[in-house]
Amino acid sequence: MAWSRWLPLRYSPIKIEVSHLVEQAPPALNNSISAFSGGVDSTFTMFNHAPSTNGLHRKLSACMLVQGFDITLDNQTDFEHVLEKSKRVHGSLDLETFWVRTNIKALRLQNWEDSFAAQLASCLHLFSHRFSVGLIGSSEPYHALVIPWGSSPITDHLLSGSAMKIVHDGAGFSRTEKVNRLSQRADAIDNVRVCYEGKKEDRNCGKCEKCVRTKMNLLASGIRNPACFDEPLDLADVDSINVRNAAVLAELQSILSFAQENAISEIWVDHLRRRVRRGVDRSWRGIVRDMLRRIGLLEPARAAKRRLMR
């Protein structure tokens, strides 16, 4: 019902009829598996709930990678590189590593920005016989939620089932605050992988919107030359960053707020402030991207571009 209220022209409730209901008792387990991409949000959730973490946590036992989301199904080489690196990180935290291959995103049955948490949850439920909780790292903090958006504390819990509870994790922190916490562990920052637009899917290109945004998250946390990027922030990249929707704009505003609250007055902050003032990108490139996204052709176009560049 949430999505039919948010976007009534795109979604409507459907009626499900069943011949009988099968009651399934929840498993007698008390452990968690977390969706893991290597990005800031999933890395924060992993370190926050790992067995070695002091204090209260979700008793995390494993992490799950998905091939077919940020790394395409036909790119086995890059996925294996990411998988091996992830196994090393997970192993250092006494976590198991699982991975799933799926064509659910490639089928383009749903708008990715509306459905990515649902698609993640469908993969997590494959492990409901072993884990009672599936964790999905938050996108935006509670005080700056973007609605509608594919992952939210409002809707993610509705993806739960009788055997596994889906938990939206980490919304008490902004992305920069997460990076600031992770900065206390070099192994966390060194292995962060946020890019989904570069020609090499197993590393950060350093130039796309998410890479540039992450570099600013890191700078705001006092990290200037992280191993996860080959080059430092280029101010020209801040000026030309692609703010394609309200969610990206909210992330940039969050970085700017963090910088202002912590009296950070470096030159990149001035460039970020000017870019935020311009708002969502309405250049012809941005308009074309939005059009392709609405008709479901953006991801195929990006995939074709990646194949041509290889």
Protein backbone atom coordinates (compact mmCIF):
# COMPACT_ATOMS: atom_id res chain seq x y z
CA MET A 1 0.00 0.00 0.00
CA ALA A 2 2.87 2.40 0.72
CA TRP A 3 4.02 2.58 -2.90
CA SER A 4 0.48 2.91 -4.26
CA ARG A 5 0.08 5.92 -1.97
CA TRP A 6 3.42 7.45 -2.90
CA LEU A 7 3.21 6.83 -6.66
CA PRO A 8 -0.43 6.03 -7.50
CA LEU A 9 0.10 6.51 -11.24
CA ARG A 10 2.85 3.88 -11.27
CA TYR A 11 1.73 1.35 -8.65
CA SER A 12 -1.57 -0.06 -7.44
CA PRO A 13 -2.48 -2.76 -4.89
CA ILE A 14 -2.90 -6.29 -6.18
CA LYS A 15 -5.24 -8.93 -4.82
CA ILE A 16 -3.68 -12.26 -3.87
CA GLU A 17 -5.90 -15.33 -3.55
CA VAL A 18 -4.63 -18.58 -2.03
CA SER A 19 -6.18 -22.01 -1.63
CA HIS A 20 -4.78 -22.48 1.89
CA LEU A 21 -2.33 -20.93 4.35
CA VAL A 22 0.67 -22.79 5.72
CA GLU A 23 1.74 -21.61 9.14
CA GLN A 24 5.51 -21.59 9.53
CA ALA A 25 7.04 -21.07 12.94
CA PRO A 26 10.11 -18.85 13.02
CA PRO A 27 13.37 -20.77 13.34
CA ALA A 28 14.88 -21.17 16.79
CA LEU A 29 17.84 -19.03 15.79
CA ASN A 30 19.20 -15.72 16.92
CA ASN A 31 21.72 -14.71 14.27
CA SER A 32 21.88 -12.35 11.32
CA ILE A 33 23.06 -12.16 7.74
CA SER A 34 23.73 -8.79 6.14
CA ALA A 35 23.48 -7.69 2.52
CA PHE A 36 26.99 -6.59 1.53
CA SER A 37 28.13 -4.66 -1.53
CA GLY A 38 31.36 -3.18 -0.19
CA GLY A 39 29.84 0.31 -0.08
CA VAL A 40 29.77 2.67 2.89
CA ASP A 41 26.34 1.66 4.19
CA SER A 42 26.85 -2.10 4.07
CA THR A 43 30.42 -1.82 5.40
CA PHE A 44 29.19 0.25 8.34
CA THR A 45 26.50 -2.33 9.13
CA MET A 46 29.04 -5.15 8.89
CA PHE A 47 31.57 -3.60 11.28
CA ASN A 48 28.84 -2.34 13.60
CA HIS A 49 27.38 -5.83 14.14
CA ALA A 50 30.43 -8.09 13.74
CA PRO A 51 31.10 -10.55 16.58
CA SER A 52 34.19 -8.61 17.67
CA THR A 53 32.18 -5.41 18.19
CA ASN A 54 31.70 -4.36 21.79
CA GLY A 55 28.22 -3.53 23.05
CA LEU A 56 24.81 -4.38 21.70
CA HIS A 57 24.60 -5.69 18.15
CA ARG A 58 22.61 -8.01 15.92
CA LYS A 59 24.88 -11.06 16.31
CA LEU A 60 25.99 -10.92 12.70
CA SER A 61 27.24 -14.27 11.42
CA ALA A 62 27.52 -13.81 7.66
CA CYS A 63 27.44 -11.39 4.73
CA MET A 64 25.80 -11.89 1.36
CA LEU A 65 27.08 -10.52 -1.97
CA VAL A 66 24.92 -10.42 -5.09
CA GLN A 67 26.16 -10.73 -8.65
CA GLY A 68 23.66 -9.16 -10.99
CA PHE A 69 23.16 -5.86 -9.16
CA ASP A 70 26.22 -3.55 -9.18
CA ILE A 71 28.34 -6.19 -10.94
CA THR A 72 26.72 -7.64 -14.04
CA LEU A 73 26.17 -11.36 -14.57
CA ASP A 74 28.48 -11.51 -17.58
CA ASN A 75 31.44 -10.01 -15.69
CA GLN A 76 32.68 -13.03 -13.77
CA THR A 77 36.29 -11.81 -13.55
CA ASP A 78 35.49 -8.60 -11.66
CA PHE A 79 32.99 -10.36 -9.41
CA GLU A 80 35.57 -12.97 -8.41
CA HIS A 81 38.02 -10.19 -7.51
CA VAL A 82 35.40 -8.53 -5.32
CA LEU A 83 34.39 -11.86 -3.80
CA GLU A 84 37.95 -12.79 -2.83
CA LYS A 85 38.61 -9.37 -1.28
CA SER A 86 35.31 -9.56 0.61
CA LYS A 87 36.13 -13.03 1.94
CA ARG A 88 39.36 -11.71 3.42
CA VAL A 89 37.56 -8.85 5.17
CA HIS A 90 34.73 -11.09 6.38
CA GLY A 91 37.18 -13.72 7.57
CA SER A 92 39.05 -11.16 9.67
CA LEU A 93 35.74 -10.50 11.46
CA ASP A 94 34.82 -14.19 11.85
CA LEU A 95 31.99 -13.88 9.32
CA GLU A 96 30.94 -16.35 6.65
CA THR A 97 30.59 -15.20 3.04
CA PHE A 98 27.69 -16.19 0.81
CA TRP A 99 26.94 -15.03 -2.71
CA VAL A 100 23.93 -15.09 -4.99
CA ARG A 101 23.68 -14.85 -8.78
CA THR A 102 20.42 -13.39 -10.07
CA ASN A 103 18.97 -11.84 -13.22
CA ILE A 104 16.16 -10.09 -11.35
CA LYS A 105 17.61 -6.62 -12.03
CA ALA A 106 18.53 -7.41 -15.65
CA LEU A 107 14.91 -8.40 -16.38
CA ARG A 108 13.90 -4.76 -15.63
CA LEU A 109 10.55 -5.79 -14.20
CA GLN A 110 10.72 -2.93 -11.70
CA ASN A 111 12.29 0.49 -11.43
CA TRP A 112 15.60 -0.18 -9.62
CA GLU A 113 15.47 2.99 -7.51
CA ASP A 114 12.02 1.96 -6.26
CA SER A 115 12.70 -1.73 -5.72
CA PHE A 116 16.35 -2.34 -4.79
CA ALA A 117 15.61 -3.14 -1.13
CA ALA A 118 12.87 -5.56 -2.17
CA GLN A 119 15.31 -7.25 -4.54
CA LEU A 120 17.95 -7.46 -1.80
CA ALA A 121 15.38 -8.87 0.63
CA SER A 122 14.37 -11.56 -1.87
CA CYS A 123 18.00 -12.72 -1.92
CA LEU A 124 18.34 -12.58 1.86
CA HIS A 125 15.25 -14.77 2.29
CA LEU A 126 17.10 -17.58 0.49
CA PHE A 127 19.02 -17.99 3.75
CA SER A 128 16.05 -17.89 6.13
CA HIS A 129 16.64 -21.53 7.07
CA ARG A 130 19.92 -20.48 8.73
CA PHE A 131 19.42 -16.87 9.81
CA SER A 132 16.53 -15.21 11.60
CA VAL A 133 17.44 -11.60 10.69
CA GLY A 134 18.45 -10.03 7.37
CA LEU A 135 20.15 -6.63 7.59
CA ILE A 136 19.94 -3.94 4.91
CA GLY A 137 22.20 -0.92 5.43
CA SER A 138 20.31 2.37 5.50
CA SER A 139 20.53 4.90 2.68
CA GLU A 140 19.50 8.16 4.38
CA PRO A 141 19.35 9.09 8.09
CA TYR A 142 16.06 9.48 9.95
CA HIS A 143 16.25 13.28 9.90
CA ALA A 144 16.72 13.48 6.11
CA LEU A 145 14.64 10.68 4.61
CA VAL A 146 13.90 10.82 0.88
CA ILE A 147 10.38 9.63 0.08
CA PRO A 148 9.64 7.77 -2.09
CA TRP A 149 12.87 5.77 -2.23
CA GLY A 150 13.60 2.07 -2.65
CA SER A 151 14.94 1.55 0.88
CA SER A 152 13.46 3.21 3.93
CA PRO A 153 12.78 2.48 7.61
CA ILE A 154 9.14 3.03 6.68
CA THR A 155 8.91 0.09 4.28
CA ASP A 156 11.92 -2.25 4.61
CA HIS A 157 10.48 -4.09 7.62
CA LEU A 158 7.41 -4.91 5.53
CA LEU A 159 9.67 -7.18 3.46
CA SER A 160 9.97 -9.57 6.42
CA GLY A 161 8.56 -13.08 6.44
CA SER A 162 7.67 -15.62 9.11
CA ALA A 163 11.16 -17.16 8.93
CA MET A 164 13.28 -14.00 8.57
CA LYS A 165 12.91 -10.46 9.85
CA ILE A 166 14.25 -7.76 7.52
CA VAL A 167 15.89 -4.91 9.45
CA HIS A 168 16.72 -1.48 8.04
CA ASP A 169 20.00 -0.75 9.82
CA GLY A 170 22.00 2.41 10.49
CA ALA A 171 19.53 5.24 9.89
CA GLY A 172 20.67 6.90 13.08
CA PHE A 173 23.77 8.04 11.17
CA SER A 174 24.32 10.10 8.04
CA ARG A 175 26.68 8.72 5.41
CA THR A 176 29.46 11.06 6.51
CA GLU A 177 28.96 10.05 10.14
CA LYS A 178 29.27 6.41 9.07
CA VAL A 179 32.53 7.17 7.25
CA ASN A 180 33.75 9.06 10.31
CA ARG A 181 33.18 5.99 12.46
CA LEU A 182 34.75 3.66 9.92
CA SER A 183 37.80 5.94 9.69
CA GLN A 184 38.94 4.48 13.00
CA ARG A 185 39.66 1.25 11.11
CA ALA A 186 41.99 1.47 8.10
CA ASP A 187 40.91 -1.95 6.85
CA ALA A 188 37.34 -0.68 6.60
CA ILE A 189 38.10 2.40 4.50
CA ASP A 190 40.77 0.79 2.32
CA ASN A 191 38.32 -1.77 0.95
CA VAL A 192 35.27 0.45 0.38
CA ARG A 193 33.86 0.06 -3.15
CA VAL A 194 31.03 2.40 -4.07
CA CYS A 195 31.24 2.71 -7.87
CA TYR A 196 28.69 1.29 -10.30
CA GLU A 197 29.45 3.39 -13.38
CA GLY A 198 33.14 2.71 -14.06
CA LYS A 199 34.33 0.36 -16.77
CA LYS A 200 35.99 -1.84 -14.14
CA GLU A 201 33.25 -3.07 -11.83
CA ASP A 202 35.59 -4.36 -9.13
CA ARG A 203 37.02 -0.94 -8.23
CA ASN A 204 36.19 2.75 -7.90
CA CYS A 205 36.50 4.88 -11.03
CA GLY A 206 36.99 8.01 -8.91
CA LYS A 207 35.01 10.24 -11.28
CA CYS A 208 31.33 9.24 -11.11
CA GLU A 209 28.84 10.94 -8.82
CA LYS A 210 29.05 8.33 -6.07
CA CYS A 211 32.86 8.24 -6.12
CA VAL A 212 33.11 12.03 -5.91
CA ARG A 213 30.53 12.11 -3.14
CA THR A 214 32.42 9.45 -1.19
CA LYS A 215 35.69 11.36 -1.54
CA MET A 216 33.95 14.31 0.12
CA ASN A 217 32.58 12.02 2.87
CA LEU A 218 36.18 10.96 3.50
CA LEU A 219 37.59 14.50 3.42
CA ALA A 220 34.96 15.61 5.91
CA SER A 221 36.23 12.82 8.17
CA GLY A 222 39.86 13.91 7.77
CA ILE A 223 40.87 11.17 5.31
CA ARG A 224 42.78 12.64 2.34
CA ASN A 225 44.42 9.77 0.47
CA PRO A 226 42.44 6.57 1.07
CA ALA A 227 43.65 3.39 -0.60
CA CYS A 228 40.20 2.82 -2.13
CA PHE A 229 40.79 5.68 -4.61
CA ASP A 230 43.73 6.13 -6.97
CA GLU A 231 43.56 9.94 -7.03
CA PRO A 232 42.52 12.73 -4.62
CA LEU A 233 39.41 14.82 -5.12
CA ASP A 234 39.40 17.03 -8.22
CA LEU A 235 37.44 20.22 -7.56
CA ALA A 236 36.26 20.23 -11.18
CA ASP A 237 34.51 16.92 -10.46
CA VAL A 238 32.59 18.57 -7.60
CA ASP A 239 31.47 21.38 -9.90
CA SER A 240 30.20 18.94 -12.52
CA ILE A 241 28.84 16.21 -10.26
CA ASN A 242 25.67 14.65 -11.64
CA VAL A 243 22.86 15.35 -9.16
CA ARG A 244 20.29 13.18 -10.87
CA ASN A 245 17.57 13.11 -8.21
CA ALA A 246 16.47 14.32 -4.76
CA ALA A 247 18.27 11.44 -3.02
CA VAL A 248 21.69 12.49 -4.38
CA LEU A 249 20.97 16.14 -3.53
CA ALA A 250 20.06 15.13 0.03
CA GLU A 251 23.37 13.26 0.36
CA LEU A 252 25.35 16.32 -0.76
CA GLN A 253 23.38 18.55 1.61
CA SER A 254 24.20 16.12 4.40
CA ILE A 255 27.94 16.40 3.69
CA LEU A 256 27.65 20.19 3.63
CA SER A 257 25.79 20.19 6.97
CA PHE A 258 28.46 17.96 8.52
CA ALA A 259 31.20 20.30 7.28
CA GLN A 260 29.41 23.36 8.66
CA GLU A 261 28.72 21.73 12.04
CA ASN A 262 32.38 20.76 12.34
CA ALA A 263 33.75 24.13 11.14
CA ILE A 264 35.40 22.64 8.06
CA SER A 265 36.27 25.57 5.80
CA GLU A 266 38.40 23.97 3.09
CA ILE A 267 37.99 24.99 -0.54
CA TRP A 268 36.12 21.83 -1.54
CA VAL A 269 33.32 22.87 0.85
CA ASP A 270 32.84 26.11 -1.13
CA HIS A 271 32.60 24.14 -4.37
CA LEU A 272 30.13 21.73 -2.78
CA ARG A 273 28.00 24.62 -1.50
CA ARG A 274 27.77 26.11 -5.00
CA ARG A 275 26.84 22.74 -6.48
CA VAL A 276 24.12 22.17 -3.90
CA ARG A 277 22.63 25.58 -4.69
CA ARG A 278 22.21 24.56 -8.34
CA GLY A 279 20.04 21.64 -7.24
CA VAL A 280 19.06 18.62 -9.31
CA ASP A 281 20.82 18.39 -12.66
CA ARG A 282 18.55 19.53 -15.49
CA SER A 283 21.17 19.58 -18.23
CA TRP A 284 20.38 17.73 -21.44
CA ARG A 285 22.47 14.80 -20.18
CA GLY A 286 20.48 14.68 -16.97
CA ILE A 287 17.20 14.88 -18.87
CA VAL A 288 18.25 12.02 -21.16
CA ARG A 289 19.32 9.92 -18.15
CA ASP A 290 15.96 10.50 -16.45
CA MET A 291 14.09 9.61 -19.62
CA LEU A 292 16.06 6.37 -20.08
CA ARG A 293 15.51 5.50 -16.42
CA ARG A 294 11.74 6.02 -16.67
CA ILE A 295 11.39 3.74 -19.68
CA GLY A 296 13.72 1.12 -18.25
CA LEU A 297 16.61 1.56 -20.69
CA LEU A 298 19.22 3.27 -18.49
CA GLU A 299 20.80 0.09 -17.15
CA PRO A 300 20.97 -1.60 -20.61
CA ALA A 301 22.57 1.57 -22.01
CA ARG A 302 25.18 1.58 -19.23
CA ALA A 303 25.84 -2.13 -19.72
CA ALA A 304 26.35 -1.59 -23.46
CA LYS A 305 28.74 1.28 -22.72
CA ARG A 306 30.75 -0.91 -20.32
CA ARG A 307 31.00 -3.68 -22.94
CA LEU A 308 32.25 -1.24 -25.56
CA MET A 309 34.89 0.16 -23.18
CA ARG A 310 36.30 -3.23 -22.24
